[in-house]
Amino acid sequence: MMRFARQALVMGLIWSTVAVLPAHADGVEQSLEGLHGIYVSKLCVASGLQDGDAEIEMVFENISAEMVFLDGVASDVSLGGELYFKDLVGSTITQNGFGVDEGEILDVSSSHIGARLTDLKQDLSPGDHPTVFLNFRHGTLEVTAHVLPRGQC
């Protein structure tokens, strides 16, 4: 009887541990970096003309247990994307991406860091919904964005 009670207790502990593990989003590559703890909200892309650029705005929250590194952005409606540091004179493109520490919330609209899609394949008009890819060192998040008029993201 004691053995059964001990086994039941162990199985209960294992089940409760598994039950509280975070769920992984569809399409997210599993990795050591823990992409399951990354939340993106208020994602929007500014309207833009074909062959031009479009700014990306988002709030990025890292509640994983470690620092994650965003290496780039891309989209199905652009030929490229870039991360950059904003300064008083313009911007400086980063070649190495940037790290977001565990527990950090980064609002790109008010941060010194920016993101944009480059070389748009088509005009982006308010109401469009392009797919934006946030490329991390160990995986990619695929998110649908809303297009809003420039200055309204």
N, C-alpha and C. Protein backbone atom coordinates (compact mmCIF):
# COMPACT_ATOMS: atom_id res chain seq x y z
N MET A 1 0.82 -1.19 0.00
CA MET A 1 0.00 0.00 0.00
C MET A 1 0.87 1.26 0.00
N MET A 2 1.95 1.22 0.80
CA MET A 2 2.82 2.38 0.88
C MET A 2 3.52 2.64 -0.46
N ARG A 3 3.87 1.56 -1.16
CA ARG A 3 4.52 1.68 -2.46
C ARG A 3 3.57 2.35 -3.46
N PHE A 4 2.30 1.95 -3.46
CA PHE A 4 1.30 2.54 -4.34
C PHE A 4 1.13 4.04 -4.06
N ALA A 5 1.08 4.40 -2.80
CA ALA A 5 0.93 5.80 -2.41
C ALA A 5 2.14 6.61 -2.88
N ARG A 6 3.34 6.06 -2.74
CA ARG A 6 4.56 6.74 -3.16
C ARG A 6 4.56 6.92 -4.68
N GLN A 7 4.18 5.88 -5.43
CA GLN A 7 4.12 5.97 -6.89
C GLN A 7 3.07 6.99 -7.32
N ALA A 8 1.94 7.00 -6.66
CA ALA A 8 0.89 7.96 -6.99
C ALA A 8 1.36 9.39 -6.74
N LEU A 9 2.09 9.59 -5.66
CA LEU A 9 2.61 10.92 -5.34
C LEU A 9 3.62 11.36 -6.40
N VAL A 10 4.53 10.47 -6.77
CA VAL A 10 5.54 10.79 -7.79
C VAL A 10 4.86 11.10 -9.12
N MET A 11 3.91 10.29 -9.54
CA MET A 11 3.20 10.53 -10.80
C MET A 11 2.42 11.84 -10.74
N GLY A 12 1.85 12.15 -9.60
CA GLY A 12 1.14 13.42 -9.45
C GLY A 12 2.08 14.60 -9.60
N LEU A 13 3.26 14.51 -9.02
CA LEU A 13 4.25 15.59 -9.16
C LEU A 13 4.70 15.73 -10.60
N ILE A 14 4.96 14.63 -11.27
CA ILE A 14 5.37 14.68 -12.68
C ILE A 14 4.26 15.29 -13.52
N TRP A 15 3.03 14.86 -13.33
CA TRP A 15 1.92 15.39 -14.10
C TRP A 15 1.74 16.89 -13.86
N SER A 16 1.83 17.33 -12.60
CA SER A 16 1.65 18.75 -12.31
C SER A 16 2.76 19.58 -12.92
N THR A 17 3.97 19.05 -12.99
CA THR A 17 5.08 19.77 -13.63
C THR A 17 4.82 19.91 -15.12
N VAL A 18 4.41 18.83 -15.77
CA VAL A 18 4.14 18.86 -17.20
C VAL A 18 2.95 19.77 -17.50
N ALA A 19 1.97 19.78 -16.65
CA ALA A 19 0.76 20.58 -16.90
C ALA A 19 1.03 22.07 -16.87
N VAL A 20 2.04 22.53 -16.15
CA VAL A 20 2.30 23.96 -16.07
C VAL A 20 3.39 24.43 -17.01
N LEU A 21 3.96 23.53 -17.83
CA LEU A 21 4.95 23.97 -18.80
C LEU A 21 4.30 24.89 -19.82
N PRO A 22 5.02 25.93 -20.28
CA PRO A 22 4.41 26.84 -21.25
C PRO A 22 4.14 26.15 -22.58
N ALA A 23 3.07 26.55 -23.24
CA ALA A 23 2.75 26.01 -24.55
C ALA A 23 3.58 26.73 -25.60
N HIS A 24 3.93 26.04 -26.67
CA HIS A 24 4.70 26.63 -27.75
C HIS A 24 3.76 27.05 -28.87
N ALA A 25 4.03 28.19 -29.46
CA ALA A 25 3.21 28.68 -30.56
C ALA A 25 3.46 27.84 -31.80
N ASP A 26 2.44 27.68 -32.63
CA ASP A 26 2.61 26.96 -33.88
C ASP A 26 3.64 27.67 -34.75
N GLY A 27 4.48 26.90 -35.42
CA GLY A 27 5.44 27.46 -36.35
C GLY A 27 6.71 27.98 -35.71
N VAL A 28 6.84 27.88 -34.41
CA VAL A 28 8.05 28.36 -33.75
C VAL A 28 9.02 27.20 -33.59
N GLU A 29 10.23 27.39 -34.11
CA GLU A 29 11.24 26.36 -33.95
C GLU A 29 11.62 26.26 -32.48
N GLN A 30 11.72 25.05 -31.96
CA GLN A 30 12.11 24.87 -30.56
C GLN A 30 13.62 25.06 -30.47
N SER A 31 14.09 25.63 -29.39
CA SER A 31 15.51 25.90 -29.28
C SER A 31 15.91 26.03 -27.83
N LEU A 32 17.20 26.14 -27.62
CA LEU A 32 17.72 26.37 -26.28
C LEU A 32 17.40 27.78 -25.81
N GLU A 33 17.09 28.67 -26.73
CA GLU A 33 16.87 30.06 -26.39
C GLU A 33 15.48 30.29 -25.80
N GLY A 34 14.59 29.35 -25.91
CA GLY A 34 13.29 29.48 -25.26
C GLY A 34 12.37 30.47 -25.90
N LEU A 35 12.07 30.32 -27.19
CA LEU A 35 11.19 31.24 -27.87
C LEU A 35 9.77 31.22 -27.31
N HIS A 36 9.45 30.25 -26.48
CA HIS A 36 8.12 30.18 -25.89
C HIS A 36 7.85 31.33 -24.93
N GLY A 37 8.86 32.06 -24.51
CA GLY A 37 8.67 33.15 -23.56
C GLY A 37 8.75 34.52 -24.20
N ILE A 38 8.50 34.60 -25.50
CA ILE A 38 8.57 35.88 -26.21
C ILE A 38 7.17 36.26 -26.63
N TYR A 39 6.74 37.45 -26.25
CA TYR A 39 5.42 37.93 -26.61
C TYR A 39 5.55 39.22 -27.40
N VAL A 40 4.83 39.30 -28.51
CA VAL A 40 4.84 40.49 -29.36
C VAL A 40 3.43 41.03 -29.38
N SER A 41 3.29 42.32 -29.12
CA SER A 41 1.97 42.95 -29.17
C SER A 41 2.09 44.30 -29.88
N LYS A 42 0.96 44.85 -30.23
CA LYS A 42 0.89 46.16 -30.90
C LYS A 42 1.78 46.21 -32.14
N LEU A 43 1.86 45.09 -32.86
CA LEU A 43 2.69 45.03 -34.07
C LEU A 43 1.96 45.69 -35.22
N CYS A 44 2.58 46.68 -35.81
CA CYS A 44 2.01 47.29 -37.00
C CYS A 44 3.13 47.73 -37.93
N VAL A 45 2.79 47.86 -39.19
CA VAL A 45 3.73 48.29 -40.22
C VAL A 45 3.15 49.56 -40.82
N ALA A 46 4.00 50.55 -41.02
CA ALA A 46 3.55 51.80 -41.63
C ALA A 46 3.34 51.59 -43.12
N SER A 47 2.36 52.29 -43.68
CA SER A 47 2.12 52.17 -45.11
C SER A 47 3.35 52.63 -45.88
N GLY A 48 3.51 52.11 -47.09
CA GLY A 48 4.67 52.47 -47.90
C GLY A 48 4.45 52.12 -49.36
N LEU A 49 5.30 52.69 -50.21
CA LEU A 49 5.19 52.47 -51.65
C LEU A 49 6.15 51.37 -52.10
N GLN A 50 5.80 50.73 -53.20
CA GLN A 50 6.65 49.69 -53.78
C GLN A 50 8.07 50.23 -53.95
N ASP A 51 9.06 49.40 -53.66
CA ASP A 51 10.50 49.71 -53.71
C ASP A 51 10.95 50.61 -52.57
N GLY A 52 10.03 51.03 -51.71
CA GLY A 52 10.39 51.88 -50.58
C GLY A 52 10.55 51.06 -49.30
N ASP A 53 10.57 51.76 -48.18
CA ASP A 53 10.72 51.13 -46.87
C ASP A 53 9.45 51.35 -46.05
N ALA A 54 9.26 50.52 -45.03
CA ALA A 54 8.10 50.66 -44.13
C ALA A 54 8.57 50.37 -42.70
N GLU A 55 8.33 51.31 -41.81
CA GLU A 55 8.72 51.15 -40.41
C GLU A 55 7.84 50.11 -39.73
N ILE A 56 8.43 49.38 -38.79
CA ILE A 56 7.71 48.39 -38.00
C ILE A 56 7.68 48.90 -36.56
N GLU A 57 6.51 48.86 -35.95
CA GLU A 57 6.35 49.20 -34.54
C GLU A 57 5.85 47.96 -33.81
N MET A 58 6.33 47.75 -32.60
CA MET A 58 5.87 46.61 -31.80
C MET A 58 6.32 46.78 -30.37
N VAL A 59 5.65 46.06 -29.50
CA VAL A 59 6.08 45.93 -28.12
C VAL A 59 6.52 44.48 -27.98
N PHE A 60 7.71 44.30 -27.50
CA PHE A 60 8.37 43.00 -27.44
C PHE A 60 8.67 42.70 -25.98
N GLU A 61 8.15 41.57 -25.48
CA GLU A 61 8.35 41.21 -24.08
C GLU A 61 9.03 39.85 -23.98
N ASN A 62 10.11 39.79 -23.24
CA ASN A 62 10.84 38.54 -23.04
C ASN A 62 10.60 38.06 -21.61
N ILE A 63 9.73 37.07 -21.47
CA ILE A 63 9.50 36.51 -20.14
C ILE A 63 10.11 35.12 -20.04
N SER A 64 11.01 34.81 -20.98
CA SER A 64 11.72 33.52 -20.90
C SER A 64 12.77 33.62 -19.79
N ALA A 65 13.45 32.56 -19.56
CA ALA A 65 14.42 32.50 -18.47
C ALA A 65 15.82 32.93 -18.90
N GLU A 66 15.95 33.50 -20.10
CA GLU A 66 17.27 33.92 -20.55
C GLU A 66 17.16 35.02 -21.59
N MET A 67 18.31 35.65 -21.86
CA MET A 67 18.38 36.68 -22.87
C MET A 67 18.15 36.05 -24.24
N VAL A 68 17.42 36.76 -25.11
CA VAL A 68 17.23 36.31 -26.48
C VAL A 68 17.81 37.37 -27.41
N PHE A 69 18.18 36.94 -28.61
CA PHE A 69 18.81 37.84 -29.56
C PHE A 69 18.01 37.92 -30.84
N LEU A 70 17.49 39.12 -31.13
CA LEU A 70 16.77 39.36 -32.38
C LEU A 70 17.81 39.76 -33.42
N ASP A 71 17.95 38.93 -34.45
CA ASP A 71 18.97 39.16 -35.47
C ASP A 71 18.46 39.89 -36.70
N GLY A 72 17.14 39.89 -36.92
CA GLY A 72 16.64 40.56 -38.11
C GLY A 72 15.14 40.45 -38.23
N VAL A 73 14.62 41.18 -39.22
CA VAL A 73 13.20 41.14 -39.55
C VAL A 73 13.06 40.92 -41.05
N ALA A 74 11.96 40.33 -41.45
CA ALA A 74 11.69 40.10 -42.87
C ALA A 74 10.17 40.05 -43.03
N SER A 75 9.73 39.97 -44.27
CA SER A 75 8.30 39.89 -44.53
C SER A 75 8.05 39.26 -45.89
N ASP A 76 6.84 38.79 -46.08
CA ASP A 76 6.45 38.24 -47.38
C ASP A 76 6.23 39.36 -48.40
N VAL A 77 6.18 40.63 -47.97
CA VAL A 77 5.93 41.74 -48.88
C VAL A 77 7.17 42.60 -49.11
N SER A 78 8.33 42.14 -48.65
CA SER A 78 9.55 42.93 -48.84
C SER A 78 10.70 42.01 -49.24
N LEU A 79 11.71 42.61 -49.85
CA LEU A 79 12.91 41.86 -50.22
C LEU A 79 13.89 41.79 -49.06
N GLY A 80 13.74 42.66 -48.07
CA GLY A 80 14.65 42.66 -46.94
C GLY A 80 14.05 43.33 -45.74
N GLY A 81 14.86 43.44 -44.72
CA GLY A 81 14.48 44.11 -43.50
C GLY A 81 15.73 44.44 -42.72
N GLU A 82 15.63 45.40 -41.82
CA GLU A 82 16.82 45.75 -41.04
C GLU A 82 16.44 46.26 -39.66
N LEU A 83 17.34 46.02 -38.74
CA LEU A 83 17.27 46.57 -37.40
C LEU A 83 18.27 47.71 -37.36
N TYR A 84 17.95 48.75 -36.61
CA TYR A 84 18.87 49.88 -36.56
C TYR A 84 18.76 50.59 -35.22
N PHE A 85 19.79 51.38 -34.94
CA PHE A 85 19.80 52.21 -33.75
C PHE A 85 19.46 53.62 -34.17
N LYS A 86 18.49 54.23 -33.49
CA LYS A 86 18.08 55.60 -33.80
C LYS A 86 19.04 56.55 -33.08
N ASP A 87 19.40 57.63 -33.76
CA ASP A 87 20.18 58.67 -33.11
C ASP A 87 19.70 60.03 -33.61
N LEU A 88 20.33 61.09 -33.15
CA LEU A 88 19.86 62.43 -33.49
C LEU A 88 20.01 62.76 -34.97
N VAL A 89 20.94 62.12 -35.65
CA VAL A 89 21.21 62.44 -37.05
C VAL A 89 20.49 61.52 -38.02
N GLY A 90 19.98 60.41 -37.58
CA GLY A 90 19.35 59.44 -38.48
C GLY A 90 19.33 58.08 -37.83
N SER A 91 19.99 57.14 -38.49
CA SER A 91 20.02 55.79 -37.93
C SER A 91 21.29 55.07 -38.36
N THR A 92 21.68 54.11 -37.56
CA THR A 92 22.84 53.28 -37.85
C THR A 92 22.36 51.83 -37.87
N ILE A 93 22.53 51.17 -39.01
CA ILE A 93 22.08 49.79 -39.14
C ILE A 93 22.98 48.88 -38.32
N THR A 94 22.37 47.96 -37.61
CA THR A 94 23.15 47.00 -36.82
C THR A 94 23.33 45.72 -37.63
N GLN A 95 24.53 45.22 -37.65
CA GLN A 95 24.82 43.98 -38.36
C GLN A 95 24.63 42.75 -37.47
N ASN A 96 24.64 42.95 -36.16
CA ASN A 96 24.61 41.83 -35.22
C ASN A 96 23.29 41.67 -34.48
N GLY A 97 22.28 42.43 -34.83
CA GLY A 97 21.03 42.35 -34.10
C GLY A 97 21.19 42.95 -32.71
N PHE A 98 20.29 42.59 -31.81
CA PHE A 98 20.40 43.08 -30.44
C PHE A 98 19.80 42.07 -29.48
N GLY A 99 20.26 42.14 -28.24
CA GLY A 99 19.78 41.24 -27.20
C GLY A 99 18.68 41.89 -26.39
N VAL A 100 17.74 41.05 -25.97
CA VAL A 100 16.66 41.50 -25.08
C VAL A 100 16.75 40.64 -23.84
N ASP A 101 17.07 41.27 -22.73
CA ASP A 101 17.31 40.56 -21.48
C ASP A 101 16.03 39.92 -20.95
N GLU A 102 16.20 38.89 -20.13
CA GLU A 102 15.02 38.24 -19.55
C GLU A 102 14.26 39.25 -18.70
N GLY A 103 12.94 39.23 -18.85
CA GLY A 103 12.08 40.15 -18.11
C GLY A 103 11.98 41.53 -18.72
N GLU A 104 12.69 41.79 -19.81
CA GLU A 104 12.67 43.12 -20.42
C GLU A 104 11.46 43.30 -21.33
N ILE A 105 10.91 44.51 -21.31
CA ILE A 105 9.85 44.90 -22.23
C ILE A 105 10.41 46.01 -23.09
N LEU A 106 10.37 45.83 -24.39
CA LEU A 106 10.94 46.78 -25.33
C LEU A 106 9.84 47.31 -26.23
N ASP A 107 9.55 48.59 -26.13
CA ASP A 107 8.57 49.24 -27.01
C ASP A 107 9.37 49.94 -28.10
N VAL A 108 9.36 49.37 -29.30
CA VAL A 108 10.18 49.88 -30.40
C VAL A 108 9.78 51.30 -30.77
N SER A 109 8.52 51.70 -30.57
CA SER A 109 8.10 53.05 -30.95
C SER A 109 8.78 54.13 -30.11
N SER A 110 9.14 53.81 -28.88
CA SER A 110 9.76 54.83 -28.02
C SER A 110 11.21 54.47 -27.65
N SER A 111 11.75 53.46 -28.27
CA SER A 111 13.09 52.98 -27.95
C SER A 111 14.14 53.61 -28.87
N HIS A 112 15.39 53.37 -28.54
CA HIS A 112 16.50 53.77 -29.39
C HIS A 112 16.75 52.75 -30.50
N ILE A 113 15.95 51.69 -30.52
CA ILE A 113 16.08 50.62 -31.51
C ILE A 113 14.89 50.71 -32.47
N GLY A 114 15.15 50.52 -33.75
CA GLY A 114 14.09 50.55 -34.74
C GLY A 114 14.16 49.34 -35.65
N ALA A 115 13.07 49.11 -36.37
CA ALA A 115 13.00 48.01 -37.33
C ALA A 115 12.22 48.50 -38.54
N ARG A 116 12.62 48.05 -39.73
CA ARG A 116 11.90 48.42 -40.93
C ARG A 116 12.04 47.34 -41.99
N LEU A 117 11.03 47.30 -42.84
CA LEU A 117 11.07 46.44 -44.01
C LEU A 117 11.66 47.27 -45.14
N THR A 118 12.49 46.67 -45.95
CA THR A 118 13.14 47.40 -47.03
C THR A 118 12.76 46.80 -48.38
N ASP A 119 12.81 47.62 -49.41
CA ASP A 119 12.53 47.19 -50.79
C ASP A 119 11.19 46.46 -50.89
N LEU A 120 10.13 47.19 -50.57
CA LEU A 120 8.79 46.60 -50.63
C LEU A 120 8.48 46.08 -52.03
N LYS A 121 7.89 44.90 -52.10
CA LYS A 121 7.53 44.29 -53.38
C LYS A 121 6.26 44.89 -53.97
N GLN A 122 5.48 45.54 -53.12
CA GLN A 122 4.19 46.12 -53.52
C GLN A 122 3.87 47.28 -52.59
N ASP A 123 2.92 48.08 -52.99
CA ASP A 123 2.45 49.15 -52.11
C ASP A 123 1.80 48.51 -50.88
N LEU A 124 2.03 49.11 -49.72
CA LEU A 124 1.35 48.68 -48.50
C LEU A 124 0.36 49.78 -48.13
N SER A 125 -0.88 49.41 -48.06
CA SER A 125 -1.95 50.37 -47.77
C SER A 125 -2.59 50.03 -46.43
N PRO A 126 -3.13 51.05 -45.74
CA PRO A 126 -3.84 50.77 -44.49
C PRO A 126 -4.90 49.70 -44.70
N GLY A 127 -4.93 48.74 -43.78
CA GLY A 127 -5.87 47.63 -43.89
C GLY A 127 -5.22 46.34 -44.39
N ASP A 128 -4.03 46.44 -45.00
CA ASP A 128 -3.31 45.23 -45.43
C ASP A 128 -2.80 44.48 -44.19
N HIS A 129 -2.50 43.20 -44.37
CA HIS A 129 -2.03 42.37 -43.27
C HIS A 129 -0.84 41.51 -43.71
N PRO A 130 0.35 42.10 -43.79
CA PRO A 130 1.52 41.31 -44.19
C PRO A 130 1.99 40.39 -43.05
N THR A 131 2.71 39.35 -43.43
CA THR A 131 3.33 38.49 -42.44
C THR A 131 4.73 39.02 -42.16
N VAL A 132 5.05 39.19 -40.89
CA VAL A 132 6.37 39.68 -40.47
C VAL A 132 7.09 38.53 -39.77
N PHE A 133 8.34 38.33 -40.14
CA PHE A 133 9.16 37.28 -39.53
C PHE A 133 10.19 37.94 -38.62
N LEU A 134 10.16 37.59 -37.35
CA LEU A 134 11.14 38.07 -36.39
C LEU A 134 12.18 36.96 -36.24
N ASN A 135 13.36 37.20 -36.78
CA ASN A 135 14.40 36.17 -36.84
C ASN A 135 15.32 36.26 -35.62
N PHE A 136 15.21 35.25 -34.78
CA PHE A 136 16.05 35.15 -33.60
C PHE A 136 17.21 34.23 -33.90
N ARG A 137 18.20 34.25 -33.05
CA ARG A 137 19.37 33.41 -33.25
C ARG A 137 19.03 31.93 -33.37
N HIS A 138 18.00 31.50 -32.65
CA HIS A 138 17.67 30.08 -32.63
C HIS A 138 16.23 29.80 -33.03
N GLY A 139 15.69 30.60 -33.91
CA GLY A 139 14.33 30.35 -34.37
C GLY A 139 13.67 31.61 -34.90
N THR A 140 12.50 31.45 -35.45
CA THR A 140 11.78 32.56 -36.07
C THR A 140 10.34 32.58 -35.58
N LEU A 141 9.86 33.77 -35.24
CA LEU A 141 8.45 33.97 -34.93
C LEU A 141 7.80 34.57 -36.18
N GLU A 142 6.67 34.03 -36.55
CA GLU A 142 5.91 34.51 -37.70
C GLU A 142 4.65 35.16 -37.17
N VAL A 143 4.47 36.46 -37.47
CA VAL A 143 3.37 37.22 -36.90
C VAL A 143 2.66 38.01 -38.00
N THR A 144 1.35 38.05 -37.96
CA THR A 144 0.58 38.86 -38.90
C THR A 144 0.49 40.28 -38.35
N ALA A 145 0.81 41.25 -39.19
CA ALA A 145 0.81 42.66 -38.77
C ALA A 145 -0.33 43.42 -39.44
N HIS A 146 -0.69 44.54 -38.86
CA HIS A 146 -1.67 45.46 -39.44
C HIS A 146 -0.90 46.61 -40.08
N VAL A 147 -1.34 47.05 -41.23
CA VAL A 147 -0.74 48.23 -41.86
C VAL A 147 -1.59 49.44 -41.49
N LEU A 148 -0.94 50.47 -40.99
CA LEU A 148 -1.60 51.73 -40.65
C LEU A 148 -0.90 52.87 -41.40
N PRO A 149 -1.57 54.01 -41.54
CA PRO A 149 -0.92 55.14 -42.22
C PRO A 149 0.35 55.55 -41.46
N ARG A 150 1.33 56.06 -42.20
CA ARG A 150 2.58 56.52 -41.59
C ARG A 150 2.26 57.49 -40.45
N GLY A 151 2.94 57.31 -39.33
CA GLY A 151 2.75 58.17 -38.18
C GLY A 151 1.61 57.74 -37.27
N GLN A 152 0.87 56.69 -37.61
CA GLN A 152 -0.25 56.26 -36.79
C GLN A 152 -0.04 54.90 -36.14
N CYS A 153 1.13 54.32 -36.32
CA CYS A 153 1.41 53.02 -35.67
C CYS A 153 1.57 53.21 -34.19
